[in-house]
C-alpha atoms as a PDB file:
ATOM      1  CA  UNK A   1     263.338 117.295 -89.624  1.00  0.00           C
ATOM      2  CA  UNK A   2     263.745 113.744 -89.419  1.00  0.00           C
ATOM      3  CA  UNK A   3     266.999 111.958 -88.930  1.00  0.00           C
ATOM      4  CA  UNK A   4     268.290 109.045 -91.198  1.00  0.00           C
ATOM      5  CA  UNK A   5     267.858 106.451 -88.687  1.00  0.00           C
ATOM      6  CA  UNK A   6     263.998 107.815 -87.989  1.00  0.00           C
ATOM      7  CA  UNK A   7     263.533 107.608 -91.939  1.00  0.00           C
ATOM      8  CA  UNK A   8     264.770 103.772 -91.672  1.00  0.00           C
ATOM      9  CA  UNK A   9     262.505 102.948 -88.818  1.00  0.00           C
ATOM     10  CA  UNK A  10     259.384 104.332 -90.517  1.00  0.00           C
ATOM     11  CA  UNK A  11     259.895 102.696 -93.719  1.00  0.00           C
ATOM     12  CA  UNK A  12     260.539  99.627 -92.032  1.00  0.00           C
ATOM     13  CA  UNK A  13     257.256  99.752 -90.149  1.00  0.00           C
ATOM     14  CA  UNK A  14     255.705 100.816 -93.022  1.00  0.00           C
ATOM     15  CA  UNK A  15     256.746  97.618 -95.312  1.00  0.00           C
ATOM     16  CA  UNK A  16     255.741  95.495 -92.193  1.00  0.00           C
ATOM     17  CA  UNK A  17     252.352  97.251 -92.205  1.00  0.00           C
ATOM     18  CA  UNK A  18     251.893  96.528 -96.091  1.00  0.00           C
ATOM     19  CA  UNK A  19     250.182  93.101 -96.380  1.00  0.00           C
ATOM     20  CA  UNK A  20     251.296  92.590 -99.942  1.00  0.00           C
ATOM     21  CA  UNK A  21     254.874  92.752 -98.739  1.00  0.00           C
ATOM     22  CA  UNK A  22     257.453  90.038 -97.064  1.00  0.00           C
ATOM     23  CA  UNK A  23     259.180  92.737 -95.186  1.00  0.00           C
ATOM     24  CA  UNK A  24     261.470  89.997 -93.440  1.00  0.00           C
ATOM     25  CA  UNK A  25     263.207  89.826 -97.097  1.00  0.00           C
ATOM     26  CA  UNK A  26     263.798  93.371 -97.783  1.00  0.00           C
ATOM     27  CA  UNK A  27     266.562  95.685 -96.245  1.00  0.00           C
ATOM     28  CA  UNK A  28     266.615  99.400 -95.775  1.00  0.00           C
ATOM     29  CA  UNK A  29     269.467 101.530 -95.542  1.00  0.00           C
ATOM     30  CA  UNK A  30     268.904 105.422 -95.436  1.00  0.00           C
ATOM     31  CA  UNK A  31     271.739 108.063 -96.147  1.00  0.00           C
ATOM     32  CA  UNK A  32     271.030 111.867 -96.395  1.00  0.00           C
ATOM     33  CA  UNK A  33     267.155 110.789 -97.058  1.00  0.00           C
ATOM     34  CA  UNK A  34     267.587 108.626 -99.745  1.00  0.00           C
ATOM     35  CA  UNK A  35     266.307 105.428 -99.215  1.00  0.00           C
ATOM     36  CA  UNK A  36     267.903 102.120-100.541  1.00  0.00           C
ATOM     37  CA  UNK A  37     265.612  99.158-100.562  1.00  0.00           C
ATOM     38  CA  UNK A  38     267.555  95.838-101.323  1.00  0.00           C
ATOM     39  CA  UNK A  39     266.775  91.942-100.878  1.00  0.00           C
ATOM     40  CA  UNK A  40     264.573  89.630-103.017  1.00  0.00           C
ATOM     41  CA  UNK A  41     260.717  89.277-103.497  1.00  0.00           C
ATOM     42  CA  UNK A  42     258.550  86.474-105.168  1.00  0.00           C
ATOM     43  CA  UNK A  43     256.490  88.688-107.641  1.00  0.00           C
ATOM     44  CA  UNK A  44     257.058  91.930-109.419  1.00  0.00           C
ATOM     45  CA  UNK A  45     253.868  93.425-107.822  1.00  0.00           C
ATOM     46  CA  UNK A  46     255.571  92.963-104.567  1.00  0.00           C
ATOM     47  CA  UNK A  47     258.701  94.874-105.470  1.00  0.00           C
ATOM     48  CA  UNK A  48     256.362  97.564-106.684  1.00  0.00           C
ATOM     49  CA  UNK A  49     254.506  97.735-103.244  1.00  0.00           C
ATOM     50  CA  UNK A  50     257.602  97.841-101.427  1.00  0.00           C
ATOM     51  CA  UNK A  51     258.397 100.892-103.781  1.00  0.00           C
ATOM     52  CA  UNK A  52     255.144 102.481-103.153  1.00  0.00           C
ATOM     53  CA  UNK A  53     255.281 101.894 -99.482  1.00  0.00           C
ATOM     54  CA  UNK A  54     258.537 103.717 -99.143  1.00  0.00           C
ATOM     55  CA  UNK A  55     257.006 106.624-100.986  1.00  0.00           C
ATOM     56  CA  UNK A  56     254.128 107.132 -98.181  1.00  0.00           C
ATOM     57  CA  UNK A  57     257.036 107.915 -95.565  1.00  0.00           C
ATOM     58  CA  UNK A  58     257.541 111.573 -94.675  1.00  0.00           C
ATOM     59  CA  UNK A  59     261.102 112.491 -95.393  1.00  0.00           C
ATOM     60  CA  UNK A  60     261.895 110.143 -97.888  1.00  0.00           C
ATOM     61  CA  UNK A  61     263.731 112.395-100.738  1.00  0.00           C
ATOM     62  CA  UNK A  62     265.034 109.447-103.306  1.00  0.00           C
ATOM     63  CA  UNK A  63     264.262 105.876-103.449  1.00  0.00           C
ATOM     64  CA  UNK A  64     266.869 103.593-105.000  1.00  0.00           C
ATOM     65  CA  UNK A  65     265.745 100.046-105.709  1.00  0.00           C
ATOM     66  CA  UNK A  66     267.929  97.050-105.651  1.00  0.00           C
ATOM     67  CA  UNK A  67     265.433  94.124-104.994  1.00  0.00           C
ATOM     68  CA  UNK A  68     265.741  91.177-107.193  1.00  0.00           C
ATOM     69  CA  UNK A  69     262.483  89.615-108.184  1.00  0.00           C
ATOM     70  CA  UNK A  70     263.194  85.705-107.982  1.00  0.00           C
ATOM     71  CA  UNK A  71     259.950  83.919-109.179  1.00  0.00           C
ATOM     72  CA  UNK A  72     259.148  80.298-107.491  1.00  0.00           C
ATOM     73  CA  UNK A  73     259.011  77.610-109.862  1.00  0.00           C
ATOM     74  CA  UNK A  74     255.432  77.590-109.958  1.00  0.00           C
ATOM     75  CA  UNK A  75     255.127  80.899-111.211  1.00  0.00           C
ATOM     76  CA  UNK A  76     257.960  80.932-113.937  1.00  0.00           C
ATOM     77  CA  UNK A  77     256.668  81.294-117.596  1.00  0.00           C
ATOM     78  CA  UNK A  78     258.238  81.357-120.918  1.00  0.00           C
ATOM     79  CA  UNK A  79     258.874  85.072-122.639  1.00  0.00           C
ATOM     80  CA  UNK A  80     256.115  83.816-125.370  1.00  0.00           C
ATOM     81  CA  UNK A  81     253.616  82.818-122.725  1.00  0.00           C
ATOM     82  CA  UNK A  82     253.962  86.124-121.159  1.00  0.00           C
ATOM     83  CA  UNK A  83     253.550  87.935-124.045  1.00  0.00           C
ATOM     84  CA  UNK A  84     250.193  86.306-124.752  1.00  0.00           C
ATOM     85  CA  UNK A  85     249.153  86.879-121.408  1.00  0.00           C
ATOM     86  CA  UNK A  86     250.011  90.744-121.862  1.00  0.00           C
ATOM     87  CA  UNK A  87     248.404  91.264-124.929  1.00  0.00           C
ATOM     88  CA  UNK A  88     245.248  89.640-123.535  1.00  0.00           C
ATOM     89  CA  UNK A  89     245.347  91.645-120.522  1.00  0.00           C
ATOM     90  CA  UNK A  90     245.649  94.747-122.672  1.00  0.00           C
ATOM     91  CA  UNK A  91     242.878  93.492-124.665  1.00  0.00           C
ATOM     92  CA  UNK A  92     240.424  93.056-121.900  1.00  0.00           C
ATOM     93  CA  UNK A  93     241.574  96.297-120.193  1.00  0.00           C
ATOM     94  CA  UNK A  94     238.589  98.564-119.742  1.00  0.00           C
ATOM     95  CA  UNK A  95     240.002 101.247-122.453  1.00  0.00           C
ATOM     96  CA  UNK A  96     241.066  98.239-125.050  1.00  0.00           C
ATOM     97  CA  UNK A  97     244.602  99.429-125.267  1.00  0.00           C
ATOM     98  CA  UNK A  98     245.807  96.429-127.208  1.00  0.00           C
ATOM     99  CA  UNK A  99     245.710  98.126-130.637  1.00  0.00           C
ATOM    100  CA  UNK A 100     247.755 101.421-129.367  1.00  0.00           C
ATOM    101  CA  UNK A 101     250.750  99.454-127.526  1.00  0.00           C
ATOM    102  CA  UNK A 102     253.350  97.320-128.639  1.00  0.00           C
ATOM    103  CA  UNK A 103     254.812  94.499-126.139  1.00  0.00           C
ATOM    104  CA  UNK A 104     258.269  93.279-126.067  1.00  0.00           C
ATOM    105  CA  UNK A 105     259.389  90.641-123.385  1.00  0.00           C
ATOM    106  CA  UNK A 106     262.892  89.530-122.556  1.00  0.00           C
ATOM    107  CA  UNK A 107     263.521  87.433-119.613  1.00  0.00           C
ATOM    108  CA  UNK A 108     260.473  88.063-117.639  1.00  0.00           C
ATOM    109  CA  UNK A 109     260.997  92.011-118.364  1.00  0.00           C
ATOM    110  CA  UNK A 110     257.853  93.533-120.233  1.00  0.00           C
ATOM    111  CA  UNK A 111     258.503  96.586-122.082  1.00  0.00           C
ATOM    112  CA  UNK A 112     255.348  98.651-123.129  1.00  0.00           C
ATOM    113  CA  UNK A 113     255.674 101.045-126.095  1.00  0.00           C
ATOM    114  CA  UNK A 114     253.249 103.135-127.816  1.00  0.00           C
ATOM    115  CA  UNK A 115     251.097 106.399-127.452  1.00  0.00           C
ATOM    116  CA  UNK A 116     247.469 106.952-125.575  1.00  0.00           C
ATOM    117  CA  UNK A 117     245.545 110.100-125.568  1.00  0.00           C
ATOM    118  CA  UNK A 118     245.649 110.199-121.627  1.00  0.00           C
ATOM    119  CA  UNK A 119     248.061 109.635-118.836  1.00  0.00           C
ATOM    120  CA  UNK A 120     245.360 107.531-117.015  1.00  0.00           C
ATOM    121  CA  UNK A 121     245.420 105.287-119.966  1.00  0.00           C
ATOM    122  CA  UNK A 122     249.350 104.795-119.574  1.00  0.00           C
ATOM    123  CA  UNK A 123     248.866 103.510-116.087  1.00  0.00           C
ATOM    124  CA  UNK A 124     245.982 101.531-116.671  1.00  0.00           C
ATOM    125  CA  UNK A 125     248.134  99.589-119.019  1.00  0.00           C
ATOM    126  CA  UNK A 126     251.155  99.125-116.576  1.00  0.00           C
ATOM    127  CA  UNK A 127     248.672  98.140-113.785  1.00  0.00           C
ATOM    128  CA  UNK A 128     246.960  95.499-116.297  1.00  0.00           C
ATOM    129  CA  UNK A 129     250.225  93.690-116.450  1.00  0.00           C
ATOM    130  CA  UNK A 130     251.883  94.031-113.234  1.00  0.00           C
ATOM    131  CA  UNK A 131     250.188  91.323-111.507  1.00  0.00           C
ATOM    132  CA  UNK A 132     250.714  88.643-114.283  1.00  0.00           C
ATOM    133  CA  UNK A 133     252.290  85.548-113.516  1.00  0.00           C
ATOM    134  CA  UNK A 134     256.007  85.243-114.393  1.00  0.00           C
ATOM    135  CA  UNK A 135     256.268  89.158-114.760  1.00  0.00           C
ATOM    136  CA  UNK A 136     259.670  90.287-113.300  1.00  0.00           C
ATOM    137  CA  UNK A 137     259.221  93.844-114.241  1.00  0.00           C
ATOM    138  CA  UNK A 138     257.472  96.243-116.329  1.00  0.00           C
ATOM    139  CA  UNK A 139     259.321  99.270-118.375  1.00  0.00           C
ATOM    140  CA  UNK A 140     256.485 101.841-119.292  1.00  0.00           C
ATOM    141  CA  UNK A 141     257.814 103.483-122.288  1.00  0.00           C
ATOM    142  CA  UNK A 142     254.048 104.524-123.540  1.00  0.00           C
ATOM    143  CA  UNK A 143     253.829 108.228-124.595  1.00  0.00           C
ATOM    144  CA  UNK A 144     250.867 110.308-124.085  1.00  0.00           C
ATOM    145  CA  UNK A 145     249.681 112.106-127.223  1.00  0.00           C
ATOM    146  CA  UNK A 146     246.515 113.735-126.964  1.00  0.00           C
ATOM    147  CA  UNK A 147     244.117 113.589-129.941  1.00  0.00           C
ATOM    148  CA  UNK A 148     243.590 117.047-131.383  1.00  0.00           C
ATOM    149  CA  UNK A 149     240.141 118.286-132.234  1.00  0.00           C
ATOM    150  CA  UNK A 150     239.056 120.652-134.687  1.00  0.00           C
ATOM    151  CA  UNK A 151     236.808 121.824-132.106  1.00  0.00           C
ATOM    152  CA  UNK A 152     239.302 122.328-129.454  1.00  0.00           C
ATOM    153  CA  UNK A 153     241.389 124.448-131.684  1.00  0.00           C
ATOM    154  CA  UNK A 154     238.485 126.596-132.653  1.00  0.00           C
ATOM    155  CA  UNK A 155     237.271 126.998-129.336  1.00  0.00           C
ATOM    156  CA  UNK A 156     240.610 128.042-128.085  1.00  0.00           C
ATOM    157  CA  UNK A 157     241.194 130.591-131.273  1.00  0.00           C
ATOM    158  CA  UNK A 158     237.560 132.234-130.112  1.00  0.00           C
ATOM    159  CA  UNK A 159     238.500 132.516-126.760  1.00  0.00           C
ATOM    160  CA  UNK A 160     241.829 134.038-127.550  1.00  0.00           C
ATOM    161  CA  UNK A 161     239.975 136.671-129.726  1.00  0.00           C
ATOM    162  CA  UNK A 162     237.417 137.628-127.194  1.00  0.00           C
ATOM    163  CA  UNK A 163     239.918 138.096-124.629  1.00  0.00           C
ATOM    164  CA  UNK A 164     241.262 140.888-126.692  1.00  0.00           C
ATOM    165  CA  UNK A 165     237.861 142.379-127.675  1.00  0.00           C
ATOM    166  CA  UNK A 166     238.457 141.263-131.136  1.00  0.00           C
ATOM    167  CA  UNK A 167     235.921 139.753-133.438  1.00  0.00           C
ATOM    168  CA  UNK A 168     234.659 136.195-133.642  1.00  0.00           C
ATOM    169  CA  UNK A 169     236.650 133.546-135.448  1.00  0.00           C
ATOM    170  CA  UNK A 170     233.679 132.582-137.651  1.00  0.00           C
ATOM    171  CA  UNK A 171     235.844 133.344-140.487  1.00  0.00           C
ATOM    172  CA  UNK A 172     238.570 131.257-139.559  1.00  0.00           C
ATOM    173  CA  UNK A 173     238.950 127.627-140.969  1.00  0.00           C
ATOM    174  CA  UNK A 174     240.677 124.682-138.828  1.00  0.00           C
ATOM    175  CA  UNK A 175     241.841 121.537-140.673  1.00  0.00           C
ATOM    176  CA  UNK A 176     243.569 118.897-138.451  1.00  0.00           C
ATOM    177  CA  UNK A 177     245.906 116.182-139.825  1.00  0.00           C
ATOM    178  CA  UNK A 178     247.621 114.241-137.105  1.00  0.00           C
ATOM    179  CA  UNK A 179     249.323 116.558-135.054  1.00  0.00           C
ATOM    180  CA  UNK A 180     249.419 119.153-137.647  1.00  0.00           C
ATOM    181  CA  UNK A 181     246.963 122.160-137.748  1.00  0.00           C
ATOM    182  CA  UNK A 182     246.309 124.272-140.698  1.00  0.00           C
ATOM    183  CA  UNK A 183     244.681 127.384-140.405  1.00  0.00           C
ATOM    184  CA  UNK A 184     242.558 129.036-143.306  1.00  0.00           C
ATOM    185  CA  UNK A 185     239.984 131.606-143.923  1.00  0.00           C
ATOM    186  CA  UNK A 186     239.810 135.330-143.570  1.00  0.00           C
ATOM    187  CA  UNK A 187     241.152 137.537-140.738  1.00  0.00           C
ATOM    188  CA  UNK A 188     241.132 141.451-140.299  1.00  0.00           C
ATOM    189  CA  UNK A 189     244.377 142.270-139.049  1.00  0.00           C
ATOM    190  CA  UNK A 190     247.976 141.056-137.918  1.00  0.00           C
ATOM    191  CA  UNK A 191     246.874 140.902-134.206  1.00  0.00           C
ATOM    192  CA  UNK A 192     243.801 138.403-135.141  1.00  0.00           C
ATOM    193  CA  UNK A 193     246.612 136.372-137.320  1.00  0.00           C
ATOM    194  CA  UNK A 194     249.047 136.061-134.370  1.00  0.00           C
ATOM    195  CA  UNK A 195     246.065 135.524-131.915  1.00  0.00           C
ATOM    196  CA  UNK A 196     244.663 132.510-133.842  1.00  0.00           C
ATOM    197  CA  UNK A 197     248.278 130.985-134.476  1.00  0.00           C
ATOM    198  CA  UNK A 198     249.298 131.073-130.897  1.00  0.00           C
ATOM    199  CA  UNK A 199     246.073 129.685-129.830  1.00  0.00           C
ATOM    200  CA  UNK A 200     246.767 126.505-131.870  1.00  0.00           C
ATOM    201  CA  UNK A 201     249.938 126.117-130.573  1.00  0.00           C
ATOM    202  CA  UNK A 202     248.742 126.391-127.227  1.00  0.00           C
ATOM    203  CA  UNK A 203     246.572 122.697-127.802  1.00  0.00           C
ATOM    204  CA  UNK A 204     248.380 119.847-126.609  1.00  0.00           C
ATOM    205  CA  UNK A 205     249.631 117.527-129.040  1.00  0.00           C
ATOM    206  CA  UNK A 206     250.082 120.156-131.791  1.00  0.00           C
ATOM    207  CA  UNK A 207     253.572 119.785-133.178  1.00  0.00           C
ATOM    208  CA  UNK A 208     253.082 122.034-136.469  1.00  0.00           C
ATOM    209  CA  UNK A 209     250.810 125.018-137.432  1.00  0.00           C
ATOM    210  CA  UNK A 210     250.320 126.030-140.903  1.00  0.00           C
ATOM    211  CA  UNK A 211     248.972 129.583-141.483  1.00  0.00           C
ATOM    212  CA  UNK A 212     247.039 129.988-144.746  1.00  0.00           C
ATOM    213  CA  UNK A 213     245.051 132.709-143.436  1.00  0.00           C
ATOM    214  CA  UNK A 214     244.545 135.886-145.562  1.00  0.00           C
ATOM    215  CA  UNK A 215     243.315 139.371-144.957  1.00  0.00           C
ATOM    216  CA  UNK A 216     239.925 140.679-145.592  1.00  0.00           C
END
């Protein structure tokens, strides 16, 4: 098991190895495996790279970031300019996220909010704005809200019934409205009813299941 001194030395070495970082401006302290990075950098991307570098070191349990982003005069932008740049970056993102995400900029700090269907889209949004000139930090408050598909719900119900050797789900109907699923149609017994309801609840993103099934 590494000592705090060994972890400190390894983190410093990792920072020096990373070409995106000016390691001379970053201090490293370690106590009980908790690494504190302090100092200042010229760009938010450099701050992020320093955190990422520290995470790569074995033995690091927690990272505390106390690094200030002090932009060079040539890199300073107004919040309005940054907001326009962020919107354009999201628009030109491969996933065209501008319609799903709201942007707030205050003193160079960008807050992203809204919802997407996949976690990689959330990461992609942050990556799109992290390197923009003038950005001092990014708060990624985007939530991942999967799109609920009728086919997905039906498939899960059919699988659940077949696992229990029940009849198929052809007589069960599914209607999706946002994050609500309504079950209808005919079922044979309480076991089938409960299996169908449980399967619908098991689909990611479902917040409400309305049961309108009826017994044959």
